[in-house]
Protein backbone atom coordinates (compact mmCIF):
# COMPACT_ATOMS: atom_id res chain seq x y z
CA MET A 1 -28.58 8.56 19.02
CA GLU A 2 -28.03 5.75 21.64
CA GLN A 3 -30.26 5.55 24.47
CA GLY A 4 -28.82 7.15 27.64
CA GLN A 5 -25.86 8.61 26.05
CA ASP A 6 -24.77 12.16 26.98
CA THR A 7 -25.27 15.04 24.64
CA LYS A 8 -24.11 18.40 24.53
CA MET A 9 -25.03 21.74 22.46
CA VAL A 10 -21.59 22.67 20.61
CA LYS A 11 -20.68 25.95 18.44
CA SER A 12 -17.22 25.35 17.09
CA THR A 13 -15.17 22.52 15.80
CA ALA A 14 -13.12 22.86 19.05
CA ASP A 15 -15.96 22.01 21.33
CA TYR A 16 -17.00 19.10 19.09
CA ALA A 17 -13.54 17.88 19.29
CA LYS A 18 -13.61 17.99 23.13
CA ALA A 19 -17.29 16.66 23.64
CA ILE A 20 -15.89 13.71 21.51
CA GLU A 21 -12.63 13.15 23.37
CA SER A 22 -14.73 13.39 26.76
CA GLY A 23 -17.15 10.99 25.50
CA VAL A 24 -20.05 13.44 25.02
CA GLN A 25 -22.30 13.21 21.94
CA PRO A 26 -22.55 16.59 20.27
CA THR A 27 -25.70 17.69 18.81
CA GLN A 28 -24.77 20.24 16.68
CA VAL A 29 -24.09 19.11 12.87
CA LEU A 30 -21.02 21.45 11.68
CA GLU A 31 -21.90 23.04 8.11
CA THR A 32 -20.50 20.04 5.57
CA LYS A 33 -20.68 19.40 1.82
CA VAL A 34 -19.59 16.67 -0.88
CA TYR A 35 -18.26 17.78 -4.22
CA LYS A 36 -18.42 15.78 -7.33
CA ARG A 37 -14.90 16.49 -8.31
CA ARG A 38 -13.85 14.23 -5.80
CA TRP A 39 -14.57 11.18 -8.15
CA LEU A 40 -11.82 13.06 -10.61
CA ILE A 41 -9.09 13.61 -7.86
CA LEU A 42 -9.68 9.83 -6.96
CA ILE A 43 -9.30 8.48 -10.39
CA ILE A 44 -6.25 10.63 -11.16
CA PHE A 45 -4.71 9.20 -7.80
CA VAL A 46 -5.21 5.60 -8.77
CA LEU A 47 -3.79 6.54 -11.97
CA TYR A 48 -0.62 8.38 -10.38
CA SER A 49 -0.49 5.57 -7.52
CA SER A 50 -0.20 2.89 -10.24
CA SER A 51 2.75 4.82 -12.26
CA ASN A 52 4.55 4.27 -9.25
CA ALA A 53 3.91 1.06 -8.13
CA MET A 54 4.66 -1.00 -11.38
CA HIS A 55 8.38 0.09 -10.56
CA TRP A 56 8.47 -2.04 -7.71
CA ILE A 57 8.35 -5.55 -8.83
CA GLN A 58 9.51 -4.67 -12.38
CA TYR A 59 13.23 -6.42 -12.23
CA SER A 60 12.38 -8.88 -9.68
CA ILE A 61 9.76 -10.48 -11.65
CA ILE A 62 12.13 -11.34 -14.50
CA ALA A 63 14.85 -12.03 -12.04
CA ASN A 64 16.82 -14.59 -14.55
CA ILE A 65 16.64 -12.80 -17.23
CA ILE A 66 17.51 -9.33 -15.60
CA MET A 67 20.94 -11.37 -14.00
CA ALA A 68 21.76 -12.48 -17.55
CA TYR A 69 21.65 -9.31 -19.29
CA TYR A 70 23.32 -7.35 -16.72
CA ASN A 71 25.46 -9.89 -14.99
CA VAL A 72 24.71 -9.53 -11.58
CA SER A 73 23.51 -11.42 -8.70
CA SER A 74 20.01 -12.18 -7.70
CA PHE A 75 20.77 -10.43 -4.44
CA SER A 76 21.12 -7.56 -6.76
CA VAL A 77 17.92 -8.06 -8.05
CA ASP A 78 15.86 -8.34 -5.17
CA MET A 79 17.41 -5.17 -4.13
CA THR A 80 15.59 -3.13 -6.94
CA SER A 81 12.53 -4.15 -4.95
CA MET A 82 13.80 -3.88 -1.51
CA ILE A 83 14.94 -0.54 -2.28
CA TYR A 84 11.57 0.69 -2.08
CA MET A 85 11.19 -0.78 1.52
CA ILE A 86 14.31 0.85 2.59
CA THR A 87 14.48 4.59 1.20
CA TYR A 88 10.73 4.53 2.80
CA ILE A 89 11.77 4.08 6.40
CA PRO A 90 13.85 7.17 6.87
CA PHE A 91 12.26 9.60 4.63
CA ILE A 92 8.46 8.81 5.46
CA PHE A 93 8.86 11.14 8.56
CA PRO A 94 9.91 14.14 6.17
CA ALA A 95 7.39 13.02 3.86
CA SER A 96 4.56 12.71 6.40
CA TYR A 97 5.54 16.42 7.56
CA LEU A 98 5.17 17.97 4.16
CA LEU A 99 2.21 16.18 3.43
CA ASP A 100 0.44 17.78 6.79
CA ARG A 101 2.02 20.90 6.23
CA PHE A 102 1.29 21.87 2.47
CA GLY A 103 -1.48 19.18 1.60
CA LEU A 104 -2.39 16.40 -0.88
CA ARG A 105 -1.47 18.54 -4.19
CA PHE A 106 1.93 19.05 -3.22
CA ALA A 107 2.86 15.66 -1.80
CA ALA A 108 1.26 14.76 -5.39
CA ILE A 109 3.54 17.00 -7.52
CA VAL A 110 6.39 16.02 -5.57
CA GLY A 111 5.91 12.17 -5.93
CA ALA A 112 4.75 12.28 -9.84
CA THR A 113 7.81 14.67 -10.67
CA GLY A 114 9.94 12.14 -8.61
CA THR A 115 8.72 9.20 -10.33
CA ALA A 116 8.75 10.70 -13.96
CA LEU A 117 12.39 11.75 -13.22
CA GLY A 118 13.51 8.37 -12.34
CA SER A 119 11.23 6.40 -15.32
CA TRP A 120 13.50 8.63 -17.83
CA ILE A 121 17.12 7.77 -16.10
CA LYS A 122 15.96 4.03 -16.74
CA VAL A 123 15.05 4.51 -20.11
CA CYS A 124 18.88 5.78 -20.23
CA SER A 125 19.97 2.51 -18.67
CA VAL A 126 19.52 -0.01 -21.53
CA ASN A 127 23.08 -1.40 -21.62
CA PRO A 128 24.52 -4.36 -20.00
CA ASN A 129 27.29 -2.02 -18.30
CA TYR A 130 25.13 0.21 -17.02
CA PHE A 131 23.00 -1.55 -14.03
CA TRP A 132 24.30 1.26 -11.75
CA MET A 133 21.95 3.69 -13.95
CA THR A 134 18.84 1.23 -13.72
CA PHE A 135 19.30 0.91 -9.62
CA ILE A 136 19.73 4.90 -9.49
CA GLY A 137 16.45 5.38 -11.43
CA GLN A 138 14.66 2.52 -9.09
CA PHE A 139 16.08 4.70 -6.05
CA VAL A 140 14.61 8.13 -7.26
CA VAL A 141 11.27 6.41 -8.05
CA ALA A 142 11.45 4.56 -4.65
CA LEU A 143 12.11 7.71 -2.78
CA SER A 144 9.23 9.17 -4.42
CA GLN A 145 6.89 6.37 -3.06
CA THR A 146 7.05 8.05 0.18
CA PHE A 147 4.56 10.94 -0.97
CA ILE A 148 2.25 8.25 -2.21
CA LEU A 149 1.37 5.42 0.05
CA SER A 150 0.14 7.43 2.86
CA ILE A 151 -1.91 9.16 0.81
CA PRO A 152 -5.67 7.08 0.38
CA ALA A 153 -6.47 7.19 3.63
CA ARG A 154 -5.97 11.17 3.94
CA LEU A 155 -7.86 11.79 0.54
CA ALA A 156 -10.95 9.72 1.31
CA ALA A 157 -11.42 11.68 4.87
CA VAL A 158 -10.50 15.20 3.26
CA TRP A 159 -12.68 14.76 0.04
CA PHE A 160 -15.43 12.13 0.57
CA GLY A 161 -18.79 11.87 3.11
CA PRO A 162 -19.08 9.26 6.18
CA ASP A 163 -20.85 7.08 3.70
CA GLN A 164 -18.24 6.77 1.33
CA VAL A 165 -14.84 7.30 3.08
CA SER A 166 -14.17 3.55 3.88
CA SER A 167 -14.92 2.59 -0.34
CA ALA A 168 -12.93 5.58 -1.19
CA CYS A 169 -9.77 4.60 0.48
CA SER A 170 -9.98 0.98 -0.66
CA ILE A 171 -10.19 2.70 -4.16
CA GLY A 172 -7.17 4.48 -3.43
CA VAL A 173 -5.26 1.61 -2.27
CA PHE A 174 -6.27 -0.21 -5.64
CA GLY A 175 -4.44 2.31 -7.59
CA ASN A 176 -1.14 0.89 -5.72
CA GLN A 177 -2.57 -2.66 -5.92
CA LEU A 178 -2.75 -2.09 -9.97
CA GLY A 179 0.68 -0.70 -10.41
CA ILE A 180 1.97 -4.09 -8.85
CA ALA A 181 -0.50 -5.90 -11.17
CA MET A 182 1.04 -4.03 -14.06
CA GLY A 183 4.80 -4.54 -12.89
CA PHE A 184 4.02 -8.53 -12.55
CA LEU A 185 2.29 -8.39 -16.19
CA PHE A 186 4.10 -6.74 -18.56
CA PRO A 187 7.87 -7.26 -17.84
CA PRO A 188 7.30 -11.03 -18.73
CA MET A 189 5.34 -10.03 -21.71
CA LEU A 190 7.52 -7.09 -23.06
CA VAL A 191 11.32 -8.77 -22.44
CA PRO A 192 11.64 -12.21 -23.68
CA ASN A 193 14.26 -14.71 -22.20
CA SER A 194 17.07 -14.75 -24.47
CA ASP A 195 20.59 -15.42 -24.88
CA ASP A 196 21.14 -12.60 -27.30
CA HIS A 197 21.35 -9.47 -25.06
CA ASN A 198 20.30 -7.15 -27.87
CA VAL A 199 16.94 -9.14 -27.58
CA ILE A 200 16.58 -8.42 -24.03
CA GLY A 201 18.03 -4.89 -24.38
CA ARG A 202 14.91 -3.94 -27.00
CA GLY A 203 12.59 -5.63 -24.61
CA LEU A 204 13.75 -3.23 -21.60
CA GLN A 205 14.17 -0.28 -24.19
CA ILE A 206 10.36 -0.72 -25.04
CA MET A 207 9.29 -1.22 -21.71
CA PHE A 208 10.85 1.47 -20.02
CA TYR A 209 9.74 4.05 -22.53
CA ILE A 210 6.05 3.04 -22.41
CA VAL A 211 6.67 3.49 -18.33
CA ALA A 212 8.27 6.80 -18.76
CA ILE A 213 5.61 8.25 -21.14
CA PHE A 214 2.83 7.30 -19.19
CA VAL A 215 4.07 8.75 -15.92
CA THR A 216 4.63 12.01 -17.56
CA VAL A 217 1.67 12.17 -18.61
CA ILE A 218 0.13 11.22 -15.26
CA LEU A 219 2.16 13.94 -13.75
CA VAL A 220 0.51 16.89 -16.48
CA PHE A 221 -2.98 15.84 -15.33
CA ILE A 222 -1.99 16.03 -11.41
CA LEU A 223 -0.29 19.86 -12.29
CA ILE A 224 -3.69 20.53 -14.26
CA PHE A 225 -6.69 18.95 -12.18
CA PHE A 226 -5.57 17.69 -8.78
CA LYS A 227 -6.55 20.10 -5.62
CA ALA A 228 -5.53 19.74 -2.07
CA GLN A 229 -9.00 19.77 -0.51
CA PRO A 230 -12.55 20.94 -1.34
CA PRO A 231 -13.65 24.53 -0.03
CA MET A 232 -15.85 22.91 2.92
CA PRO A 233 -15.33 19.65 4.57
CA PRO A 234 -17.51 16.77 3.61
CA SER A 235 -18.01 15.55 7.06
CA PRO A 236 -18.07 17.01 10.58
CA ALA A 237 -15.20 14.70 11.39
CA GLN A 238 -13.25 16.42 8.81
CA ALA A 239 -14.30 19.99 10.04
CA VAL A 240 -12.54 18.88 13.26
CA GLN A 241 -9.59 17.46 12.13
CA ARG A 242 -8.96 20.87 9.79
CA GLU A 243 -9.11 22.72 12.70
CA ALA A 244 -6.79 20.51 14.36
CA ASP A 245 -4.69 20.12 11.82
CA SER A 246 -4.05 24.14 11.85
CA THR A 247 -2.99 23.96 15.66
CA ALA A 248 -1.20 20.85 16.12
CA SER A 249 2.24 20.13 15.30
CA PHE A 250 3.45 17.05 13.06
CA PHE A 251 5.91 15.99 16.26
CA GLN A 252 2.69 16.14 18.92
CA SER A 253 0.98 13.90 16.17
CA VAL A 254 3.71 11.47 16.43
CA LYS A 255 4.15 11.42 20.03
CA LYS A 256 0.60 10.72 20.63
CA LEU A 257 0.30 7.93 18.03
CA VAL A 258 3.37 6.14 19.45
CA THR A 259 1.56 6.15 22.97
CA ASN A 260 -1.41 4.66 21.46
CA VAL A 261 -1.57 1.15 22.75
CA GLY A 262 -4.09 0.16 20.31
CA TYR A 263 -2.59 1.51 17.46
CA LEU A 264 1.09 0.17 18.37
CA LEU A 265 -0.44 -3.36 18.21
CA LEU A 266 -2.43 -2.56 14.95
CA LEU A 267 1.44 -1.64 13.93
CA LEU A 268 2.86 -4.88 14.61
CA SER A 269 -0.12 -7.15 13.41
CA TYR A 270 -0.36 -4.92 10.10
CA GLY A 271 3.24 -5.22 9.30
CA ILE A 272 3.51 -8.91 9.88
CA ASN A 273 0.78 -9.38 7.17
CA VAL A 274 2.07 -6.80 4.86
CA GLY A 275 5.75 -7.84 5.17
CA VAL A 276 4.92 -11.45 4.35
CA PHE A 277 3.13 -10.46 1.27
CA TYR A 278 6.17 -8.43 0.30
CA ALA A 279 8.38 -11.15 0.50
CA ILE A 280 6.51 -13.36 -1.64
CA SER A 281 6.11 -10.85 -4.04
CA THR A 282 9.93 -10.02 -4.61
CA LEU A 283 10.89 -13.97 -4.61
CA LEU A 284 7.62 -15.43 -6.29
CA ASN A 285 10.15 -15.89 -9.89
CA GLN A 286 12.07 -18.04 -7.72
CA ILE A 287 9.25 -19.72 -5.78
CA VAL A 288 7.35 -20.33 -8.83
CA LEU A 289 10.71 -21.55 -11.18
CA GLU A 290 11.49 -24.28 -8.69
CA TYR A 291 8.16 -26.20 -8.96
CA PHE A 292 7.81 -24.79 -12.73
CA PRO A 293 11.18 -24.59 -14.76
CA HIS A 294 10.96 -22.14 -17.64
CA HIS A 295 7.63 -21.10 -16.57
CA GLU A 296 8.66 -17.15 -16.14
CA LYS A 297 5.54 -15.57 -18.11
CA ASP A 298 3.59 -17.57 -15.37
CA ALA A 299 5.29 -16.54 -12.55
CA GLY A 300 4.44 -12.80 -13.61
CA ARG A 301 0.65 -14.15 -14.23
CA ILE A 302 0.63 -15.91 -10.96
CA GLY A 303 1.70 -12.40 -9.59
CA LEU A 304 -1.08 -10.69 -11.38
CA THR A 305 -3.64 -13.20 -10.03
CA ILE A 306 -2.39 -12.30 -6.31
CA VAL A 307 -2.93 -8.57 -7.24
CA CYS A 308 -5.89 -8.71 -8.92
CA ALA A 309 -7.55 -11.29 -6.49
CA GLY A 310 -6.72 -8.58 -3.94
CA MET A 311 -8.07 -5.27 -5.56
CA LEU A 312 -11.30 -7.21 -5.78
CA GLY A 313 -10.74 -8.05 -1.84
CA SER A 314 -9.94 -4.25 -1.20
CA VAL A 315 -13.03 -3.21 -2.82
CA VAL A 316 -15.18 -5.76 -0.99
CA CYS A 317 -13.73 -4.68 1.99
CA GLY A 318 -14.28 -1.20 1.91
CA ILE A 319 -18.07 -1.66 0.67
CA ILE A 320 -18.29 -3.96 3.99
CA LEU A 321 -16.90 -1.19 6.27
CA ASP A 322 -18.89 1.45 5.14
CA LYS A 323 -22.22 -0.54 5.39
CA ALA A 324 -21.61 -1.82 8.73
CA HIS A 325 -19.02 -0.16 10.40
CA LYS A 326 -17.16 -3.30 12.25
CA PHE A 327 -13.63 -2.26 12.00
CA LYS A 328 -12.43 -4.63 14.27
CA GLU A 329 -14.17 -7.47 13.28
CA THR A 330 -13.75 -7.19 9.64
CA THR A 331 -9.70 -6.79 10.21
CA LEU A 332 -9.74 -9.80 12.22
CA GLY A 333 -11.82 -11.76 9.90
CA VAL A 334 -9.68 -10.65 6.83
CA TYR A 335 -6.16 -11.61 8.79
CA LEU A 336 -7.34 -14.80 9.96
CA PHE A 337 -8.42 -15.60 5.92
CA SER A 338 -4.75 -14.31 4.75
CA PHE A 339 -3.40 -17.19 7.37
CA LEU A 340 -5.64 -19.74 5.89
CA GLY A 341 -4.72 -19.03 2.50
CA MET A 342 -1.38 -18.71 2.98
CA ILE A 343 -1.53 -22.38 4.34
CA VAL A 344 -3.35 -23.78 1.15
CA PHE A 345 -0.76 -22.30 -0.89
CA THR A 346 2.06 -23.60 1.17
CA PHE A 347 0.77 -27.66 0.95
CA THR A 348 -0.28 -27.24 -2.72
CA LEU A 349 2.69 -25.61 -4.81
CA ASP A 350 4.27 -29.18 -5.31
CA SER A 351 1.13 -30.48 -6.83
CA GLY A 352 2.76 -30.77 -10.21
CA ARG A 353 -0.47 -28.60 -11.71
CA ILE A 354 0.57 -25.17 -12.04
CA TYR A 355 -3.44 -24.08 -12.33
CA VAL A 356 -3.89 -24.94 -8.82
CA THR A 357 -1.13 -22.30 -7.94
CA TYR A 358 -2.98 -19.50 -9.44
CA ILE A 359 -6.33 -20.65 -7.88
CA THR A 360 -4.71 -20.78 -4.26
CA ALA A 361 -2.37 -17.43 -5.14
CA GLY A 362 -5.69 -15.66 -5.99
CA LEU A 363 -7.29 -17.01 -2.68
CA LEU A 364 -4.26 -15.53 -1.03
CA GLY A 365 -4.14 -12.27 -2.59
CA PHE A 366 -7.94 -11.64 -2.07
CA PHE A 367 -7.64 -11.26 1.88
CA MET A 368 -3.87 -10.55 2.09
CA THR A 369 -3.70 -7.59 -0.14
CA GLY A 370 -7.38 -6.83 0.26
CA TYR A 371 -6.39 -6.24 4.19
CA LEU A 372 -4.14 -3.18 3.16
CA PRO A 373 -7.25 -0.60 3.22
CA VAL A 374 -8.55 -2.40 6.15
CA GLY A 375 -5.74 -1.68 8.02
CA PHE A 376 -5.58 1.79 7.14
CA GLU A 377 -9.24 2.41 8.47
CA PHE A 378 -9.11 0.98 11.78
CA ALA A 379 -5.51 3.12 12.26
CA ALA A 380 -7.79 6.01 11.32
CA GLU A 381 -10.29 4.93 13.85
CA LEU A 382 -7.81 4.15 16.55
CA THR A 383 -5.89 7.54 16.21
CA TYR A 384 -8.64 10.23 15.11
CA PRO A 385 -8.16 13.14 15.21
CA GLU A 386 -4.77 12.86 14.17
CA PRO A 387 -4.07 13.57 10.40
CA GLU A 388 -4.61 10.15 8.36
CA GLY A 389 -1.37 10.65 6.32
CA THR A 390 0.59 10.51 9.77
CA SER A 391 -0.98 7.13 11.05
CA ALA A 392 -1.02 5.60 7.58
CA GLY A 393 2.98 6.76 7.07
CA LEU A 394 3.79 5.26 10.32
CA LEU A 395 2.05 1.81 9.49
CA ASN A 396 3.74 1.61 5.90
CA ALA A 397 7.26 2.43 7.56
CA VAL A 398 7.00 -0.40 10.07
CA CYS A 399 5.37 -2.58 6.98
CA GLN A 400 9.13 -1.51 5.22
CA VAL A 401 10.82 -2.69 7.82
CA PHE A 402 8.99 -6.16 8.13
CA GLY A 403 9.32 -6.40 4.52
CA ILE A 404 13.01 -6.15 4.28
CA THR A 405 13.06 -8.26 7.36
CA PHE A 406 11.17 -10.96 5.95
CA THR A 407 12.23 -10.75 2.37
CA SER A 408 15.92 -11.69 3.56
CA LEU A 409 14.95 -14.16 5.86
CA TYR A 410 12.61 -15.61 3.50
CA GLY A 411 15.39 -15.48 0.79
CA CYS A 412 17.76 -17.44 3.03
CA ALA A 413 15.04 -19.94 4.35
CA LEU A 414 14.37 -20.62 0.24
CA ASN A 415 18.30 -21.17 -0.09
CA VAL A 416 18.94 -23.65 3.24
CA TRP A 417 15.85 -25.27 3.76
CA GLY A 418 13.50 -24.98 0.67
CA ASN A 419 10.21 -23.66 -0.15
CA PHE A 420 8.25 -25.78 1.99
CA TRP A 421 9.88 -25.15 5.27
CA ALA A 422 10.16 -21.28 4.41
CA ASN A 423 6.69 -20.99 3.75
CA ILE A 424 5.82 -22.79 6.95
CA GLY A 425 7.65 -19.89 8.62
CA LEU A 426 5.76 -17.38 7.07
CA CYS A 427 2.70 -19.25 8.33
CA VAL A 428 3.80 -19.47 11.69
CA THR A 429 4.37 -15.10 11.92
CA LEU A 430 0.81 -14.98 10.50
CA ALA A 431 -0.60 -16.96 13.34
CA VAL A 432 0.96 -14.47 15.51
CA GLY A 433 -0.38 -11.60 13.71
CA CYS A 434 -3.87 -13.00 14.08
CA PHE A 435 -3.40 -13.21 17.71
CA ILE A 436 -2.11 -9.82 17.82
CA THR A 437 -5.10 -8.30 16.25
CA THR A 438 -7.51 -10.21 18.75
CA ILE A 439 -6.16 -7.78 21.29
CA ILE A 440 -6.54 -4.49 19.69
CA PRO A 441 -9.03 -2.63 21.70
CA ASN A 442 -12.04 -1.92 19.64
CA ASP A 443 -11.94 1.81 20.13
CA LEU A 444 -13.44 3.84 17.22
CA ARG A 445 -13.15 7.42 17.81
CA ARG A 446 -13.68 8.67 14.34
CA GLN A 447 -17.26 6.75 14.45
CA LYS A 448 -18.34 8.58 17.75
CA ALA A 449 -17.51 11.88 15.65
CA LYS A 450 -21.04 10.55 13.97
CA PHE A 451 -18.80 10.03 10.72
């Protein structure tokens, strides 16, 4: 306890919450317990999240092959990625409401069922005339992600103790990144670039069957093993939040979030960072092929490098947060290195050495995708005791708006001004994001609850 800090004995979670909000340190430790089952729940979620995320970039990373097979424009292929962003914006609000109202298990079952359904629709879409069907399948999968992206921070808080919550959140985000990595890696390996449509069709069929079977198995695991919450809360802060969740409405929570200045600033800075990542990922095939023609597989591997480096960055940042609890400092540091990484990536693309692009892309990915769980955890600190699912859901909704905007503008800039100046534009936006991050108040409300 800090010297000179006011204290108060409390007898309920309601009194505990009031004491925290008034700046008084409560002295009673509420009854809590951390369960071993938490790791099984987290592993299942990681697999579940990856099974959905692998669809996002599945077409864009082999855009030239998809354009030739289905005889569609590059914009149509880009839309298979952007549909993830477009559907998220209107549907995150009902999805967040259902998550808060019915819990983690309900959200996981709905999301996994939709992902499986969309995957099997895509199995039936392997025909040059059936692009409309493959797009429907992608839409169903994209709709299902609204029940996934908001879960990591919520799952970590509901199941994990105060010394593991940030690491658990980073591992949860790791699942999404793992899926994106698979989406970068396997399509170029399984779908060959051929003038024979039958060869391309066989590759697509194999890929879609593998994904559909994997997703179906994950759905079975969720139905059997996935639970909404443990019998007892893992921390005093979670005990307070359980009571708050039972009395406060979803719309009251949203109102409190949109009037929280620190959270609004984080929305802007977080949206800029993730929006830039979405734009680069969606158009990576076009970027790489401009400098290195006929290197479709390298485009996929460079994307894989970005995401794998980001996985490592996520875990490292989660550990740092759990050890140091320096949320704003970590957020700002990672953001600054994302900006520097984008500058290095921009000025080395024309080096003529593809291994240099691998290295700079990995550097960019370590910080840019490693930033994702850091933003989630900082948001949870700024908005406590509001539900983590709601704050994360709004974060992701803003990300989709920025993602759509940046992907569209970046695509136009690539065509009009070329890669270099398009990337300079992204560097400038990241610089703006760094500045916004510096003025976010360091209001760690969850830490005040002795998480």
